């Protein structure tokens, strides 16, 4: 897995602007606080980035997916290596990028 810095650089090279500690309004009308928000400079594509594990990984994966779905964005979860196989499968099912922490 790549690091957050490497991922950030890859996104910048692909034309994304990245803001950390960001807010995004969802289709539901709710405003979501996210660790990172990458917006493509030429189209409307967005990536939600969750940088740290705060609790149960399964719950967080579902939460990240829900925010990304509401916001019309792709989800990305940065993990510290102790995520389990079931959580990895769930993230894969949700087409969520998983990144190793620096």
N, C-alpha and C. Protein backbone atom coordinates (compact mmCIF):
# COMPACT_ATOMS: atom_id res chain seq x y z
N UNK A 1 0.83 -1.19 0.00
CA UNK A 1 0.00 0.00 0.00
C UNK A 1 0.87 1.25 0.00
N UNK A 2 0.33 2.34 -0.56
CA UNK A 2 1.08 3.59 -0.59
C UNK A 2 0.75 4.45 0.62
N UNK A 3 1.58 5.42 0.88
CA UNK A 3 1.38 6.32 2.03
C UNK A 3 0.44 7.46 1.65
N UNK A 4 0.01 8.22 2.66
CA UNK A 4 -0.86 9.37 2.42
C UNK A 4 -0.15 10.40 1.54
N UNK A 5 1.11 10.66 1.82
CA UNK A 5 1.87 11.63 1.01
C UNK A 5 1.96 11.19 -0.45
N UNK A 6 2.24 9.91 -0.66
CA UNK A 6 2.33 9.39 -2.03
C UNK A 6 0.96 9.48 -2.72
N UNK A 7 -0.09 9.12 -2.00
CA UNK A 7 -1.45 9.19 -2.53
C UNK A 7 -1.80 10.63 -2.89
N UNK A 8 -1.45 11.57 -2.02
CA UNK A 8 -1.70 13.00 -2.27
C UNK A 8 -0.99 13.46 -3.53
N UNK A 9 0.26 13.06 -3.68
CA UNK A 9 1.02 13.44 -4.88
C UNK A 9 0.43 12.83 -6.14
N UNK A 10 -0.01 11.58 -6.06
CA UNK A 10 -0.64 10.93 -7.22
C UNK A 10 -1.90 11.70 -7.61
N UNK A 11 -2.71 12.06 -6.62
CA UNK A 11 -3.94 12.80 -6.92
C UNK A 11 -3.65 14.17 -7.54
N UNK A 12 -2.64 14.85 -7.02
CA UNK A 12 -2.27 16.16 -7.58
C UNK A 12 -1.84 16.02 -9.04
N UNK A 13 -1.08 14.97 -9.34
CA UNK A 13 -0.64 14.73 -10.72
C UNK A 13 -1.81 14.39 -11.64
N UNK A 14 -2.89 13.84 -11.05
CA UNK A 14 -4.08 13.50 -11.83
C UNK A 14 -5.06 14.67 -11.92
N UNK A 15 -4.68 15.84 -11.38
CA UNK A 15 -5.51 17.03 -11.51
C UNK A 15 -6.46 17.31 -10.36
N UNK A 16 -6.18 16.75 -9.19
CA UNK A 16 -7.05 16.99 -8.02
C UNK A 16 -6.46 18.07 -7.13
N UNK A 17 -7.34 18.84 -6.52
CA UNK A 17 -6.98 19.78 -5.45
C UNK A 17 -7.43 19.11 -4.15
N UNK A 18 -6.56 19.07 -3.14
CA UNK A 18 -6.86 18.35 -1.91
C UNK A 18 -6.89 19.32 -0.74
N UNK A 19 -7.98 19.24 0.04
CA UNK A 19 -8.13 20.02 1.27
C UNK A 19 -8.30 19.04 2.43
N UNK A 20 -7.59 19.29 3.51
CA UNK A 20 -7.73 18.46 4.70
C UNK A 20 -8.59 19.18 5.72
N UNK A 21 -9.25 18.40 6.61
CA UNK A 21 -10.18 18.94 7.61
C UNK A 21 -11.25 19.75 6.88
N UNK A 22 -11.98 19.06 5.99
CA UNK A 22 -12.91 19.72 5.07
C UNK A 22 -14.36 19.38 5.40
N UNK A 23 -15.25 20.11 4.76
CA UNK A 23 -16.69 19.88 4.87
C UNK A 23 -17.25 19.72 3.47
N UNK A 24 -18.27 18.85 3.36
CA UNK A 24 -18.93 18.64 2.08
C UNK A 24 -20.42 18.46 2.33
N UNK A 25 -21.21 19.11 1.49
CA UNK A 25 -22.66 19.00 1.61
C UNK A 25 -23.15 17.84 0.77
N UNK A 26 -23.97 16.99 1.38
CA UNK A 26 -24.50 15.84 0.69
C UNK A 26 -25.82 16.13 0.00
N UNK A 27 -26.26 15.19 -0.82
CA UNK A 27 -27.55 15.31 -1.51
C UNK A 27 -28.70 15.36 -0.52
N UNK A 28 -28.47 14.83 0.69
CA UNK A 28 -29.48 14.82 1.74
C UNK A 28 -29.68 16.20 2.36
N UNK A 29 -28.72 17.09 2.11
CA UNK A 29 -28.74 18.41 2.75
C UNK A 29 -27.83 18.49 3.96
N UNK A 30 -27.36 17.33 4.44
CA UNK A 30 -26.45 17.30 5.58
C UNK A 30 -25.06 17.78 5.17
N UNK A 31 -24.38 18.44 6.09
CA UNK A 31 -23.00 18.84 5.86
C UNK A 31 -22.12 17.89 6.66
N UNK A 32 -21.20 17.22 5.96
CA UNK A 32 -20.35 16.20 6.56
C UNK A 32 -18.94 16.74 6.76
N UNK A 33 -18.36 16.43 7.92
CA UNK A 33 -16.96 16.77 8.19
C UNK A 33 -16.12 15.56 7.81
N UNK A 34 -15.10 15.78 6.98
CA UNK A 34 -14.23 14.69 6.53
C UNK A 34 -12.78 15.10 6.74
N UNK A 35 -11.92 14.10 6.87
CA UNK A 35 -10.49 14.38 7.05
C UNK A 35 -9.87 15.00 5.82
N UNK A 36 -10.29 14.55 4.65
CA UNK A 36 -9.75 15.08 3.41
C UNK A 36 -10.80 15.04 2.31
N UNK A 37 -10.71 16.02 1.43
CA UNK A 37 -11.61 16.09 0.28
C UNK A 37 -10.78 16.47 -0.94
N UNK A 38 -10.78 15.59 -1.92
CA UNK A 38 -10.05 15.84 -3.17
C UNK A 38 -11.08 16.12 -4.25
N UNK A 39 -10.92 17.26 -4.93
CA UNK A 39 -11.82 17.63 -6.03
C UNK A 39 -11.00 17.75 -7.30
N UNK A 40 -11.51 17.13 -8.35
CA UNK A 40 -10.82 17.22 -9.64
C UNK A 40 -11.01 18.62 -10.20
N UNK A 41 -9.96 19.19 -10.75
CA UNK A 41 -10.00 20.56 -11.22
C UNK A 41 -10.77 20.73 -12.54
N UNK A 42 -10.95 19.65 -13.31
CA UNK A 42 -11.60 19.76 -14.61
C UNK A 42 -13.00 19.17 -14.67
N UNK A 43 -13.32 18.27 -13.76
CA UNK A 43 -14.67 17.70 -13.75
C UNK A 43 -15.19 17.68 -12.31
N UNK A 44 -16.32 17.09 -12.09
CA UNK A 44 -16.96 17.15 -10.78
C UNK A 44 -16.57 15.99 -9.86
N UNK A 45 -15.60 15.16 -10.26
CA UNK A 45 -15.24 13.99 -9.46
C UNK A 45 -14.62 14.39 -8.13
N UNK A 46 -15.05 13.71 -7.05
CA UNK A 46 -14.57 13.99 -5.69
C UNK A 46 -14.18 12.69 -4.99
N UNK A 47 -13.21 12.80 -4.09
CA UNK A 47 -12.80 11.66 -3.26
C UNK A 47 -12.84 12.11 -1.80
N UNK A 48 -13.54 11.34 -0.97
CA UNK A 48 -13.58 11.56 0.48
C UNK A 48 -12.44 10.75 1.08
N UNK A 49 -11.61 11.36 1.94
CA UNK A 49 -10.49 10.66 2.56
C UNK A 49 -10.69 10.66 4.08
N UNK A 50 -10.63 9.48 4.67
CA UNK A 50 -10.74 9.28 6.12
C UNK A 50 -9.36 8.87 6.60
N UNK A 51 -8.71 9.69 7.41
CA UNK A 51 -7.30 9.49 7.72
C UNK A 51 -6.97 8.65 8.93
N UNK A 52 -7.86 8.51 9.86
CA UNK A 52 -7.45 7.78 11.04
C UNK A 52 -8.56 6.91 11.58
N UNK A 53 -8.16 5.81 12.15
CA UNK A 53 -9.09 4.89 12.77
C UNK A 53 -9.47 5.43 14.14
N UNK A 54 -10.74 5.67 14.34
CA UNK A 54 -11.22 6.25 15.60
C UNK A 54 -11.95 5.24 16.47
N UNK A 55 -12.34 4.15 15.87
CA UNK A 55 -13.11 3.14 16.60
C UNK A 55 -13.13 1.85 15.82
N UNK A 56 -14.28 1.21 15.81
CA UNK A 56 -14.47 -0.05 15.11
C UNK A 56 -14.36 0.17 13.60
N UNK A 57 -13.48 -0.57 12.94
CA UNK A 57 -13.22 -0.39 11.50
C UNK A 57 -14.47 -0.65 10.67
N UNK A 58 -15.26 -1.66 11.03
CA UNK A 58 -16.47 -1.97 10.26
C UNK A 58 -17.43 -0.79 10.28
N UNK A 59 -17.64 -0.23 11.45
CA UNK A 59 -18.52 0.93 11.60
C UNK A 59 -17.99 2.11 10.79
N UNK A 60 -16.69 2.33 10.84
CA UNK A 60 -16.10 3.45 10.11
C UNK A 60 -16.21 3.26 8.61
N UNK A 61 -16.01 2.05 8.13
CA UNK A 61 -16.12 1.79 6.69
C UNK A 61 -17.54 2.09 6.22
N UNK A 62 -18.53 1.68 7.00
CA UNK A 62 -19.92 1.95 6.65
C UNK A 62 -20.19 3.46 6.70
N UNK A 63 -19.66 4.14 7.70
CA UNK A 63 -19.84 5.59 7.83
C UNK A 63 -19.20 6.33 6.64
N UNK A 64 -17.98 5.95 6.29
CA UNK A 64 -17.28 6.58 5.17
C UNK A 64 -18.08 6.35 3.87
N UNK A 65 -18.53 5.12 3.68
CA UNK A 65 -19.31 4.81 2.49
C UNK A 65 -20.58 5.66 2.44
N UNK A 66 -21.27 5.78 3.57
CA UNK A 66 -22.52 6.56 3.62
C UNK A 66 -22.26 8.03 3.27
N UNK A 67 -21.20 8.60 3.82
CA UNK A 67 -20.87 10.00 3.52
C UNK A 67 -20.52 10.15 2.04
N UNK A 68 -19.69 9.26 1.54
CA UNK A 68 -19.29 9.32 0.13
C UNK A 68 -20.50 9.17 -0.79
N UNK A 69 -21.40 8.26 -0.45
CA UNK A 69 -22.61 8.05 -1.25
C UNK A 69 -23.46 9.31 -1.25
N UNK A 70 -23.67 9.89 -0.07
CA UNK A 70 -24.48 11.09 0.06
C UNK A 70 -23.86 12.26 -0.71
N UNK A 71 -22.54 12.34 -0.69
CA UNK A 71 -21.83 13.45 -1.32
C UNK A 71 -21.51 13.20 -2.80
N UNK A 72 -21.81 12.02 -3.30
CA UNK A 72 -21.51 11.70 -4.69
C UNK A 72 -20.01 11.63 -4.93
N UNK A 73 -19.28 11.04 -3.97
CA UNK A 73 -17.82 10.98 -4.03
C UNK A 73 -17.35 9.54 -3.90
N UNK A 74 -16.09 9.32 -4.23
CA UNK A 74 -15.45 8.02 -4.02
C UNK A 74 -14.85 7.99 -2.61
N UNK A 75 -14.97 6.86 -1.89
CA UNK A 75 -14.42 6.78 -0.53
C UNK A 75 -12.98 6.26 -0.51
N UNK A 76 -12.20 6.77 0.44
CA UNK A 76 -10.82 6.31 0.66
C UNK A 76 -10.57 6.28 2.16
N UNK A 77 -10.03 5.17 2.67
CA UNK A 77 -9.79 4.98 4.10
C UNK A 77 -8.31 4.69 4.31
N UNK A 78 -7.67 5.49 5.13
CA UNK A 78 -6.26 5.27 5.46
C UNK A 78 -6.21 4.42 6.73
N UNK A 79 -5.56 3.27 6.64
CA UNK A 79 -5.52 2.33 7.76
C UNK A 79 -4.11 2.17 8.28
N UNK A 80 -4.01 1.72 9.51
CA UNK A 80 -2.70 1.59 10.15
C UNK A 80 -2.18 0.16 10.15
N UNK A 81 -2.78 -0.70 9.35
CA UNK A 81 -2.28 -2.06 9.22
C UNK A 81 -3.01 -3.08 10.07
N UNK A 82 -3.78 -2.64 11.09
CA UNK A 82 -4.44 -3.62 11.94
C UNK A 82 -5.91 -3.83 11.58
N UNK A 83 -6.25 -3.56 10.34
CA UNK A 83 -7.61 -3.81 9.88
C UNK A 83 -7.73 -5.28 9.53
N UNK A 84 -8.85 -5.88 9.88
CA UNK A 84 -9.04 -7.31 9.68
C UNK A 84 -9.48 -7.66 8.26
N UNK A 85 -9.44 -8.95 7.97
CA UNK A 85 -9.80 -9.44 6.63
C UNK A 85 -11.27 -9.15 6.30
N UNK A 86 -12.17 -9.29 7.28
CA UNK A 86 -13.58 -8.99 7.03
C UNK A 86 -13.78 -7.53 6.67
N UNK A 87 -13.07 -6.65 7.38
CA UNK A 87 -13.17 -5.22 7.09
C UNK A 87 -12.60 -4.91 5.70
N UNK A 88 -11.52 -5.58 5.35
CA UNK A 88 -10.95 -5.40 4.01
C UNK A 88 -11.95 -5.82 2.92
N UNK A 89 -12.63 -6.94 3.16
CA UNK A 89 -13.62 -7.41 2.18
C UNK A 89 -14.78 -6.43 2.07
N UNK A 90 -15.23 -5.88 3.21
CA UNK A 90 -16.31 -4.90 3.21
C UNK A 90 -15.90 -3.65 2.43
N UNK A 91 -14.69 -3.16 2.68
CA UNK A 91 -14.19 -1.99 1.97
C UNK A 91 -14.11 -2.29 0.47
N UNK A 92 -13.65 -3.46 0.11
CA UNK A 92 -13.56 -3.86 -1.29
C UNK A 92 -14.95 -3.90 -1.92
N UNK A 93 -15.94 -4.43 -1.19
CA UNK A 93 -17.31 -4.49 -1.68
C UNK A 93 -17.83 -3.09 -1.98
N UNK A 94 -17.49 -2.12 -1.12
CA UNK A 94 -17.91 -0.73 -1.30
C UNK A 94 -17.01 0.03 -2.29
N UNK A 95 -16.08 -0.68 -2.90
CA UNK A 95 -15.13 -0.06 -3.86
C UNK A 95 -14.37 1.11 -3.22
N UNK A 96 -13.96 0.88 -1.97
CA UNK A 96 -13.25 1.87 -1.18
C UNK A 96 -11.75 1.64 -1.29
N UNK A 97 -11.00 2.70 -1.55
CA UNK A 97 -9.54 2.59 -1.56
C UNK A 97 -9.06 2.47 -0.12
N UNK A 98 -8.11 1.57 0.11
CA UNK A 98 -7.46 1.43 1.41
C UNK A 98 -6.00 1.82 1.24
N UNK A 99 -5.50 2.68 2.12
CA UNK A 99 -4.11 3.10 2.06
C UNK A 99 -3.44 2.82 3.39
N UNK A 100 -2.15 2.42 3.33
CA UNK A 100 -1.37 2.24 4.54
C UNK A 100 -0.94 3.58 5.10
N UNK A 101 -0.90 3.68 6.41
CA UNK A 101 -0.50 4.92 7.06
C UNK A 101 1.00 5.09 7.01
N UNK A 102 1.46 6.36 6.97
CA UNK A 102 2.89 6.66 6.94
C UNK A 102 3.52 6.29 8.26
